[in-house]
Protein backbone atom coordinates (compact mmCIF):
# COMPACT_ATOMS: atom_id res chain seq x y z
CA UNK A 1 46.70 -10.97 66.27
CA UNK A 2 43.98 -11.84 68.74
CA UNK A 3 41.15 -14.23 67.59
CA UNK A 4 37.83 -12.32 67.47
CA UNK A 5 35.61 -13.05 70.45
CA UNK A 6 31.79 -13.51 70.73
CA UNK A 7 31.49 -9.86 71.80
CA UNK A 8 33.41 -8.46 68.85
CA UNK A 9 31.29 -10.64 66.43
CA UNK A 10 28.13 -9.37 67.66
CA UNK A 11 29.32 -5.65 67.30
CA UNK A 12 30.47 -6.54 63.57
CA UNK A 13 27.05 -8.00 62.92
CA UNK A 14 25.23 -4.88 64.01
CA UNK A 15 27.25 -2.68 62.03
CA UNK A 16 26.83 -4.98 58.93
CA UNK A 17 23.09 -4.46 59.29
CA UNK A 18 23.53 -0.82 58.50
CA UNK A 19 24.60 -1.70 54.93
CA UNK A 20 22.37 -2.43 51.86
CA UNK A 21 23.56 -4.70 49.11
CA UNK A 22 22.50 -3.36 45.61
CA UNK A 23 23.07 -4.48 41.97
CA UNK A 24 22.71 -2.22 38.97
CA UNK A 25 22.45 -4.07 35.74
CA UNK A 26 25.54 -5.80 34.83
CA UNK A 27 27.69 -3.74 37.36
CA UNK A 28 29.51 -5.29 40.28
CA UNK A 29 27.93 -5.67 43.66
CA UNK A 30 28.69 -2.76 45.94
CA UNK A 31 27.80 -1.74 49.63
CA UNK A 32 25.82 1.42 50.40
CA UNK A 33 25.85 2.88 53.93
CA UNK A 34 22.58 3.49 55.34
CA UNK A 35 22.09 5.34 58.70
CA UNK A 36 19.98 4.01 61.52
CA UNK A 37 17.37 6.75 60.99
CA UNK A 38 16.97 5.70 57.39
CA UNK A 39 16.27 2.00 58.47
CA UNK A 40 13.80 3.16 61.10
CA UNK A 41 11.80 5.36 58.56
CA UNK A 42 11.18 2.44 56.31
CA UNK A 43 7.44 2.18 55.27
CA UNK A 44 5.63 -0.72 56.39
CA UNK A 45 2.56 -2.19 54.53
CA UNK A 46 -0.18 -4.66 55.75
CA UNK A 47 0.76 -7.21 53.17
CA UNK A 48 4.28 -7.92 52.06
CA UNK A 49 5.50 -6.57 48.74
CA UNK A 50 8.07 -8.70 47.03
CA UNK A 51 10.39 -7.34 44.15
CA UNK A 52 9.99 -9.18 40.74
CA UNK A 53 11.66 -12.24 40.24
CA UNK A 54 14.47 -12.11 37.99
CA UNK A 55 15.99 -15.47 36.82
CA UNK A 56 19.52 -15.85 37.28
CA UNK A 57 20.61 -17.71 33.90
CA UNK A 58 23.98 -17.92 32.29
CA UNK A 59 23.04 -20.01 29.23
CA UNK A 60 21.31 -17.72 26.65
CA UNK A 61 19.77 -20.68 24.76
CA UNK A 62 17.95 -21.93 27.97
CA UNK A 63 14.16 -21.76 27.05
CA UNK A 64 13.42 -19.95 30.40
CA UNK A 65 16.03 -17.37 29.65
CA UNK A 66 14.61 -16.96 26.01
CA UNK A 67 11.18 -16.68 27.37
CA UNK A 68 12.08 -13.98 29.90
CA UNK A 69 13.98 -11.73 27.39
CA UNK A 70 11.01 -12.02 25.05
CA UNK A 71 8.65 -11.05 27.78
CA UNK A 72 10.80 -7.95 28.55
CA UNK A 73 10.83 -7.09 24.78
CA UNK A 74 6.99 -7.12 24.61
CA UNK A 75 6.46 -5.24 27.63
CA UNK A 76 9.02 -2.52 26.33
CA UNK A 77 7.04 -2.54 23.04
CA UNK A 78 3.82 -2.09 24.97
CA UNK A 79 5.03 0.86 26.86
CA UNK A 80 5.76 2.76 23.56
CA UNK A 81 3.10 5.59 23.62
CA UNK A 82 2.70 6.23 19.91
CA UNK A 83 2.20 4.20 16.82
CA UNK A 84 5.35 5.58 15.17
CA UNK A 85 7.45 4.52 18.21
CA UNK A 86 5.95 1.09 18.22
CA UNK A 87 6.63 0.57 14.45
CA UNK A 88 10.41 1.91 14.85
CA UNK A 89 10.91 -0.47 17.82
CA UNK A 90 9.73 -3.32 15.83
CA UNK A 91 11.83 -2.42 12.76
CA UNK A 92 15.02 -1.71 14.97
CA UNK A 93 18.35 -2.49 13.32
CA UNK A 94 21.87 -2.39 14.63
CA UNK A 95 23.85 0.87 14.71
CA UNK A 96 26.14 -0.47 11.94
CA UNK A 97 23.02 -1.67 9.72
CA UNK A 98 23.62 1.52 7.54
CA UNK A 99 26.64 1.86 5.29
CA UNK A 100 27.76 3.63 2.34
CA UNK A 101 29.13 1.93 -0.71
CA UNK A 102 32.27 3.94 -2.08
CA UNK A 103 31.43 5.19 -5.48
CA UNK A 104 33.48 3.77 -8.31
CA UNK A 105 33.56 7.00 -10.30
CA UNK A 106 34.64 10.29 -8.69
CA UNK A 107 31.86 12.78 -8.14
CA UNK A 108 29.35 9.98 -8.35
CA UNK A 109 26.82 9.92 -5.58
CA UNK A 110 27.29 7.06 -2.93
CA UNK A 111 24.29 4.85 -2.90
CA UNK A 112 22.99 3.84 0.51
CA UNK A 113 22.72 0.04 1.21
CA UNK A 114 21.13 -1.69 4.14
CA UNK A 115 22.85 -4.88 4.82
CA UNK A 116 20.25 -5.76 7.48
CA UNK A 117 17.11 -5.61 5.28
CA UNK A 118 14.68 -8.21 6.29
CA UNK A 119 13.44 -10.83 3.83
CA UNK A 120 9.70 -10.58 3.10
CA UNK A 121 7.43 -12.74 1.16
CA UNK A 122 4.99 -10.78 -0.99
CA UNK A 123 1.29 -11.50 -0.58
CA UNK A 124 -0.70 -9.91 -3.44
CA UNK A 125 -4.48 -10.37 -3.36
CA UNK A 126 -4.43 -11.93 -6.83
CA UNK A 127 -1.93 -14.45 -7.66
CA UNK A 128 -1.35 -17.17 -10.39
CA UNK A 129 -0.60 -20.07 -8.09
CA UNK A 130 -2.97 -22.93 -8.55
CA UNK A 131 -4.57 -24.30 -5.34
CA UNK A 132 -3.18 -21.58 -3.34
CA UNK A 133 -6.21 -20.96 -1.06
CA UNK A 134 -5.36 -23.45 1.90
CA UNK A 135 -2.03 -21.57 2.20
CA UNK A 136 -3.62 -18.19 2.16
CA UNK A 137 -5.93 -19.44 4.97
CA UNK A 138 -2.86 -20.86 6.92
CA UNK A 139 -0.68 -17.63 6.87
CA UNK A 140 -3.71 -15.53 7.85
CA UNK A 141 -5.24 -17.90 10.24
CA UNK A 142 -8.70 -17.62 8.53
CA UNK A 143 -11.63 -19.96 8.71
CA UNK A 144 -13.68 -19.75 5.59
CA UNK A 145 -17.53 -20.01 5.67
CA UNK A 146 -19.31 -20.01 2.32
CA UNK A 147 -22.40 -18.19 3.70
CA UNK A 148 -22.89 -14.58 5.26
CA UNK A 149 -23.52 -13.49 8.90
CA UNK A 150 -26.89 -13.44 10.22
CA UNK A 151 -26.53 -9.65 10.78
CA UNK A 152 -27.38 -8.91 7.19
CA UNK A 153 -30.83 -10.51 7.52
CA UNK A 154 -31.76 -7.52 9.68
CA UNK A 155 -30.69 -4.80 7.21
CA UNK A 156 -33.59 -3.96 4.92
CA UNK A 157 -32.46 -2.08 1.68
CA UNK A 158 -35.75 -2.44 -0.40
CA UNK A 159 -36.61 1.27 -0.27
CA UNK A 160 -33.03 2.22 -1.35
CA UNK A 161 -33.30 -0.38 -4.06
CA UNK A 162 -36.27 1.02 -5.54
CA UNK A 163 -34.48 4.46 -5.77
CA UNK A 164 -31.04 3.21 -7.14
CA UNK A 165 -31.87 0.30 -9.22
CA UNK A 166 -33.01 2.61 -12.31
CA UNK A 167 -30.00 4.79 -11.75
CA UNK A 168 -27.53 1.81 -11.51
CA UNK A 169 -29.17 0.24 -14.85
CA UNK A 170 -28.41 3.63 -16.58
CA UNK A 171 -24.88 3.71 -15.22
CA UNK A 172 -24.32 0.09 -16.61
CA UNK A 173 -25.51 1.26 -20.20
CA UNK A 174 -23.33 4.39 -19.87
CA UNK A 175 -20.11 2.36 -19.21
CA UNK A 176 -21.02 -0.41 -21.89
CA UNK A 177 -21.70 2.10 -24.65
CA UNK A 178 -19.20 4.89 -23.91
CA UNK A 179 -16.83 5.46 -26.75
CA UNK A 180 -13.28 4.56 -26.08
CA UNK A 181 -9.97 5.46 -27.76
CA UNK A 182 -8.32 2.76 -29.95
CA UNK A 183 -5.37 2.58 -27.53
CA UNK A 184 -7.70 1.87 -24.73
CA UNK A 185 -9.04 -1.52 -26.15
CA UNK A 186 -6.43 -3.46 -24.46
CA UNK A 187 -7.27 -2.15 -21.08
CA UNK A 188 -11.09 -1.88 -21.73
CA UNK A 189 -12.30 -4.42 -19.05
CA UNK A 190 -10.26 -2.51 -16.28
CA UNK A 191 -11.69 0.86 -17.64
CA UNK A 192 -15.22 -0.36 -17.55
CA UNK A 193 -15.16 -1.95 -14.13
CA UNK A 194 -13.43 1.00 -12.66
CA UNK A 195 -15.99 3.27 -14.33
CA UNK A 196 -18.87 1.19 -13.14
CA UNK A 197 -17.52 1.34 -9.52
CA UNK A 198 -17.04 5.05 -10.00
CA UNK A 199 -20.79 5.29 -10.78
CA UNK A 200 -21.90 3.01 -7.94
CA UNK A 201 -19.92 4.92 -5.20
CA UNK A 202 -21.12 8.26 -6.62
CA UNK A 203 -24.74 7.03 -6.44
CA UNK A 204 -24.48 5.63 -3.01
CA UNK A 205 -22.73 8.82 -1.48
CA UNK A 206 -25.17 11.28 -3.36
CA UNK A 207 -28.46 9.62 -2.66
CA UNK A 208 -28.05 7.85 0.73
CA UNK A 209 -25.83 10.14 2.80
CA UNK A 210 -28.60 12.54 3.83
CA UNK A 211 -30.36 9.80 5.83
CA UNK A 212 -27.23 7.81 7.12
CA UNK A 213 -25.10 9.81 9.50
CA UNK A 214 -22.14 7.26 9.15
CA UNK A 215 -21.95 8.00 5.29
CA UNK A 216 -22.38 11.76 5.64
CA UNK A 217 -19.13 11.92 7.77
CA UNK A 218 -17.31 8.96 6.00
CA UNK A 219 -14.11 9.35 3.97
CA UNK A 220 -13.95 7.93 0.55
CA UNK A 221 -10.58 7.01 -0.76
CA UNK A 222 -9.85 6.17 -4.49
CA UNK A 223 -6.90 4.15 -5.64
CA UNK A 224 -5.07 4.31 -2.31
CA UNK A 225 -2.14 2.08 -1.27
CA UNK A 226 -2.61 -0.55 1.44
CA UNK A 227 0.22 -2.31 2.99
CA UNK A 228 0.70 -4.72 6.08
CA UNK A 229 3.29 -7.08 7.37
CA UNK A 230 3.14 -9.71 9.93
CA UNK A 231 5.13 -12.56 11.39
CA UNK A 232 4.29 -16.20 11.57
CA UNK A 233 6.16 -19.14 13.26
CA UNK A 234 5.97 -22.77 12.63
CA UNK A 235 7.54 -22.61 9.13
CA UNK A 236 10.47 -24.93 8.29
CA UNK A 237 13.68 -23.15 7.69
CA UNK A 238 15.56 -23.18 4.39
CA UNK A 239 19.23 -21.99 3.57
CA UNK A 240 19.51 -19.99 0.35
CA UNK A 241 22.14 -17.80 -1.25
CA UNK A 242 20.64 -15.03 0.80
CA UNK A 243 20.99 -17.16 4.11
CA UNK A 244 18.04 -17.95 6.29
CA UNK A 245 14.93 -16.33 5.29
CA UNK A 246 13.23 -16.16 8.67
CA UNK A 247 13.58 -13.55 11.42
CA UNK A 248 13.69 -14.16 15.07
CA UNK A 249 9.98 -13.62 15.15
CA UNK A 250 9.05 -16.07 12.34
CA UNK A 251 8.57 -15.85 8.54
CA UNK A 252 7.67 -12.39 7.49
CA UNK A 253 4.76 -11.68 5.08
CA UNK A 254 4.10 -8.36 3.36
CA UNK A 255 0.62 -7.45 1.82
CA UNK A 256 0.55 -5.03 -0.82
CA UNK A 257 -2.63 -3.80 -2.82
CA UNK A 258 -4.40 -0.85 -4.11
CA UNK A 259 -8.10 -1.15 -3.80
CA UNK A 260 -10.06 1.00 -6.32
CA UNK A 261 -12.16 2.40 -3.50
CA UNK A 262 -12.26 2.27 0.21
CA UNK A 263 -14.87 3.95 2.59
CA UNK A 264 -13.80 4.69 6.18
CA UNK A 265 -15.75 5.74 9.15
CA UNK A 266 -15.21 7.25 12.71
CA UNK A 267 -16.55 4.15 14.55
CA UNK A 268 -15.85 0.48 13.79
CA UNK A 269 -18.48 -2.04 12.46
CA UNK A 270 -20.34 -4.32 14.95
CA UNK A 271 -18.88 -7.95 15.25
CA UNK A 272 -20.31 -10.56 13.26
CA UNK A 273 -19.95 -13.35 15.78
CA UNK A 274 -18.60 -13.34 19.27
CA UNK A 275 -14.84 -13.19 19.48
CA UNK A 276 -14.75 -16.45 21.57
CA UNK A 277 -16.17 -18.35 18.55
CA UNK A 278 -12.69 -18.17 17.15
CA UNK A 279 -11.49 -20.97 19.44
CA UNK A 280 -13.82 -23.33 17.68
CA UNK A 281 -12.82 -22.22 14.19
CA UNK A 282 -9.01 -22.74 14.85
CA UNK A 283 -9.06 -26.57 14.26
CA UNK A 284 -10.79 -25.97 10.85
CA UNK A 285 -7.93 -23.97 9.42
CA UNK A 286 -5.83 -26.03 6.83
CA UNK A 287 -2.37 -27.08 8.23
CA UNK A 288 0.00 -26.09 5.53
CA UNK A 289 3.31 -25.81 7.24
CA UNK A 290 5.39 -25.46 4.01
CA UNK A 291 8.30 -22.99 3.24
CA UNK A 292 6.83 -20.18 1.28
CA UNK A 293 9.36 -20.87 -1.46
CA UNK A 294 8.00 -24.41 -1.80
CA UNK A 295 4.54 -23.12 -2.76
CA UNK A 296 5.72 -20.66 -5.27
CA UNK A 297 6.04 -17.45 -3.32
CA UNK A 298 8.65 -14.76 -4.01
CA UNK A 299 10.46 -12.61 -1.59
CA UNK A 300 12.28 -9.23 -1.52
CA UNK A 301 14.48 -7.32 0.77
CA UNK A 302 12.98 -3.98 1.82
CA UNK A 303 12.00 -2.36 5.10
CA UNK A 304 8.55 -3.19 6.65
CA UNK A 305 5.63 -1.08 5.77
CA UNK A 306 2.31 -0.62 7.56
CA UNK A 307 -0.23 1.65 5.67
CA UNK A 308 -4.11 1.10 5.94
CA UNK A 309 -4.69 3.68 3.22
CA UNK A 310 -4.44 6.59 5.55
CA UNK A 311 -1.95 8.24 8.15
CA UNK A 312 -2.05 7.81 11.79
CA UNK A 313 -4.41 10.20 13.38
CA UNK A 314 -7.03 10.34 10.81
CA UNK A 315 -10.68 10.93 12.37
CA UNK A 316 -12.07 7.91 10.24
CA UNK A 317 -9.58 5.05 11.20
CA UNK A 318 -12.07 2.04 10.67
CA UNK A 319 -12.90 0.51 7.37
CA UNK A 320 -16.52 0.10 6.18
CA UNK A 321 -16.14 -1.37 2.84
CA UNK A 322 -13.45 -1.77 0.18
CA UNK A 323 -14.02 -2.35 -3.62
CA UNK A 324 -11.32 -4.24 -5.51
CA UNK A 325 -11.18 -4.82 -9.30
CA UNK A 326 -9.86 -7.95 -10.91
CA UNK A 327 -10.20 -8.65 -14.63
CA UNK A 328 -7.21 -10.02 -16.47
CA UNK A 329 -6.20 -12.57 -13.79
CA UNK A 330 -9.90 -13.99 -13.77
CA UNK A 331 -9.98 -14.16 -17.56
CA UNK A 332 -6.54 -16.02 -17.72
CA UNK A 333 -7.25 -18.53 -14.96
CA UNK A 334 -10.83 -19.15 -16.30
CA UNK A 335 -9.34 -20.28 -19.66
CA UNK A 336 -6.47 -22.30 -18.31
CA UNK A 337 -8.10 -24.09 -15.15
CA UNK A 338 -11.85 -23.54 -15.37
CA UNK A 339 -14.30 -21.75 -13.10
CA UNK A 340 -13.60 -23.88 -10.16
CA UNK A 341 -9.98 -22.50 -9.80
CA UNK A 342 -11.36 -18.95 -10.43
CA UNK A 343 -13.64 -19.44 -7.34
CA UNK A 344 -10.85 -20.42 -5.17
CA UNK A 345 -8.75 -17.39 -6.41
CA UNK A 346 -11.57 -14.95 -5.64
CA UNK A 347 -11.97 -16.56 -2.17
CA UNK A 348 -8.25 -16.15 -1.39
CA UNK A 349 -8.62 -12.46 -2.81
CA UNK A 350 -11.24 -11.46 -0.33
CA UNK A 351 -9.30 -13.24 2.56
CA UNK A 352 -5.98 -11.59 1.81
CA UNK A 353 -7.28 -8.08 1.27
CA UNK A 354 -9.55 -8.10 4.19
CA UNK A 355 -6.86 -9.43 6.50
CA UNK A 356 -4.18 -7.06 5.19
CA UNK A 357 -6.58 -4.12 5.56
CA UNK A 358 -7.62 -4.99 9.13
CA UNK A 359 -4.11 -5.72 10.16
CA UNK A 360 -2.94 -2.35 9.31
CA UNK A 361 -6.08 -0.74 10.90
CA UNK A 362 -5.28 -2.75 14.20
CA UNK A 363 -1.72 -1.48 14.27
CA UNK A 364 -2.78 2.03 13.95
CA UNK A 365 -5.06 1.39 17.06
CA UNK A 366 -1.92 0.12 19.08
CA UNK A 367 -2.21 -3.56 18.57
CA UNK A 368 0.54 -5.45 16.98
CA UNK A 369 1.92 -9.00 16.30
CA UNK A 370 2.83 -9.15 19.87
CA UNK A 371 0.10 -7.40 21.80
CA UNK A 372 -3.05 -8.85 20.69
CA UNK A 373 -6.40 -7.38 19.92
CA UNK A 374 -8.82 -6.70 22.89
CA UNK A 375 -11.88 -6.62 20.73
CA UNK A 376 -12.39 -7.97 17.19
CA UNK A 377 -12.31 -5.72 14.18
CA UNK A 378 -14.62 -6.33 11.18
CA UNK A 379 -14.66 -5.02 7.58
CA UNK A 380 -16.51 -5.74 4.27
CA UNK A 381 -14.87 -6.49 0.85
CA UNK A 382 -16.28 -6.42 -2.78
CA UNK A 383 -14.32 -8.05 -5.51
CA UNK A 384 -15.49 -7.64 -9.13
CA UNK A 385 -14.46 -7.64 -12.83
CA UNK A 386 -17.57 -5.71 -13.72
CA UNK A 387 -19.48 -8.68 -14.64
CA UNK A 388 -19.09 -10.99 -11.68
CA UNK A 389 -19.33 -10.01 -7.98
CA UNK A 390 -18.15 -11.53 -4.83
CA UNK A 391 -18.81 -10.14 -1.43
CA UNK A 392 -16.88 -10.89 1.84
CA UNK A 393 -17.47 -10.15 5.44
CA UNK A 394 -14.29 -10.64 7.59
CA UNK A 395 -13.71 -10.56 11.31
CA UNK A 396 -10.18 -10.19 12.73
CA UNK A 397 -10.00 -11.84 16.15
CA UNK A 398 -6.18 -12.00 16.55
CA UNK A 399 -2.91 -10.70 15.25
CA UNK A 400 -0.61 -13.07 17.14
CA UNK A 401 1.16 -15.80 15.31
CA UNK A 402 4.84 -15.16 15.73
CA UNK A 403 7.38 -17.32 17.50
CA UNK A 404 6.89 -15.02 20.46
CA UNK A 405 3.53 -16.06 21.01
CA UNK A 406 0.53 -17.56 19.09
CA UNK A 407 -3.02 -16.93 19.94
CA UNK A 408 -5.70 -19.80 20.11
CA UNK A 409 -8.04 -17.92 18.20
CA UNK A 410 -9.10 -17.97 14.47
CA UNK A 411 -10.09 -15.13 12.08
CA UNK A 412 -13.23 -15.72 10.18
CA UNK A 413 -14.30 -14.92 6.73
CA UNK A 414 -17.80 -15.28 5.25
CA UNK A 415 -18.15 -15.25 1.39
CA UNK A 416 -20.78 -15.51 -1.09
CA UNK A 417 -20.71 -17.44 -4.38
CA UNK A 418 -19.89 -15.39 -7.72
CA UNK A 419 -22.95 -13.45 -8.60
CA UNK A 420 -23.23 -12.39 -12.30
CA UNK A 421 -24.48 -8.77 -12.68
CA UNK A 422 -26.23 -9.11 -16.06
CA UNK A 423 -26.37 -11.29 -19.01
CA UNK A 424 -25.90 -8.90 -21.89
CA UNK A 425 -26.60 -5.34 -23.00
CA UNK A 426 -28.75 -5.23 -26.23
CA UNK A 427 -30.94 -2.59 -27.92
CA UNK A 428 -30.20 -0.23 -25.08
CA UNK A 429 -31.39 -2.41 -22.22
CA UNK A 430 -29.74 -4.52 -19.59
CA UNK A 431 -30.84 -8.01 -19.93
CA UNK A 432 -30.80 -10.48 -17.16
CA UNK A 433 -29.98 -7.97 -14.49
CA UNK A 434 -29.38 -9.63 -11.05
CA UNK A 435 -30.93 -7.50 -8.21
CA UNK A 436 -28.90 -9.53 -5.50
CA UNK A 437 -25.68 -7.84 -6.73
CA UNK A 438 -27.02 -4.24 -5.94
CA UNK A 439 -28.82 -5.41 -2.81
CA UNK A 440 -25.51 -6.86 -1.36
CA UNK A 441 -23.76 -3.60 -2.23
CA UNK A 442 -26.43 -1.64 -0.34
CA UNK A 443 -26.40 -3.78 2.62
CA UNK A 444 -22.63 -3.37 2.96
CA UNK A 445 -22.78 0.25 2.71
CA UNK A 446 -25.83 0.51 5.06
CA UNK A 447 -24.37 -1.69 7.73
CA UNK A 448 -23.96 1.02 10.35
CA UNK A 449 -20.91 1.35 12.43
CA UNK A 450 -21.49 1.41 16.27
CA UNK A 451 -19.42 2.93 19.17
CA UNK A 452 -18.22 0.50 21.55
CA UNK A 453 -18.13 0.93 25.24
CA UNK A 454 -14.36 -0.09 25.63
CA UNK A 455 -11.05 1.69 25.06
CA UNK A 456 -10.44 1.35 21.40
CA UNK A 457 -6.72 2.03 21.41
CA UNK A 458 -5.62 0.92 25.10
CA UNK A 459 -1.92 0.73 24.13
CA UNK A 460 -1.48 4.27 22.88
CA UNK A 461 -1.15 7.27 25.20
CA UNK A 462 -2.20 10.65 24.20
CA UNK A 463 -0.01 13.71 24.69
CA UNK A 464 -1.92 14.71 27.85
CA UNK A 465 -1.39 11.20 29.29
CA UNK A 466 2.38 11.42 28.44
CA UNK A 467 2.65 14.78 30.17
CA UNK A 468 1.06 13.24 33.41
CA UNK A 469 3.31 10.20 33.48
CA UNK A 470 6.38 12.34 32.80
């Protein structure tokens, strides 16, 4: 066979230029023939356009490879058009995750069992763990300020105070003197507290809605479930009989609560402080990098849940104020550890309940643990046992704390000290009535939500947008 000459090599190179090399996923490389007319009709741009750079990595544990795979996962999550699809994508399990256990007795129905249920550490607003406040701040990335935002100084409620004060005093007398069945004596503090909150919310909605549009169109929910989960990295790992308790996103925390009342509006509350102030607050959060088991938390194996007290698509998706009642826990801790520990317990209650509610609201707006908020969310929380009242204003600046990325922002919680509503009820009179309690309740309710000139849910596409892209 004759050796190729220079002329033959030139002809071979000209033919080779007619081929394009392509690679599809993990398939082998192949050659695709292109005619000269196709090559001549290629579009030309004034600026060069380069394809995305895809790292060629063969070691799956390489940090660059792990970061690239995480980026692809987050981008795919962001592309999901609805809240349900985003939730299902985060909670995805392998195809063999569901299996049936063969019943031991014939005709007995087989019970399903999820062998891939995640481990979640349960976060309740009220807990019996002493000195737990720093850990609550750490897992929620919250800086606590024992004062209230300046915004409330501009809310004048004296006119409303003059109208509602005598009505509220009558409500206190009614709840304190109402006849109770003997079997209700054990739960009497709960019954009185909830009855007083019933009276307060009823007075506010009936007498203030006519002159306040946000209350006229607001949604009032009673004893509704609030659930939210989030991931946080940086915790030490620990092997148990259940295996490792961490996911690839970090440690999982699940918030569960039932406020006695929550009021929701169409527009969000205004921010209490500029979001960028969260950079300065980050260094003030306690660094409690302990395993949740080491501080006394318990875990369960169940699916994730994200419920802000309503379903996706509700016309009032933003929280105005929520009322939580706590009676027995405060009474028990006060006897065992004194009022100082009760103060810490109530601060933790306000932080956890506000953070959990806002996290679920943010998720329903298309923001999750990997695609951070583009604007701050705020809410207001009231915690009471009927006699003592605590008020909290909370601003959620970030939801990112997982191993896939952690924000440099901190969330902020403002809190008042415990305020005593009255001293005693004697001779048909409420003695020692504290007007500041009612004044703060009115300021919270009359804090008007404001529309924001930005997209509130940029990561969610409507049905019209989905039709245009399809």
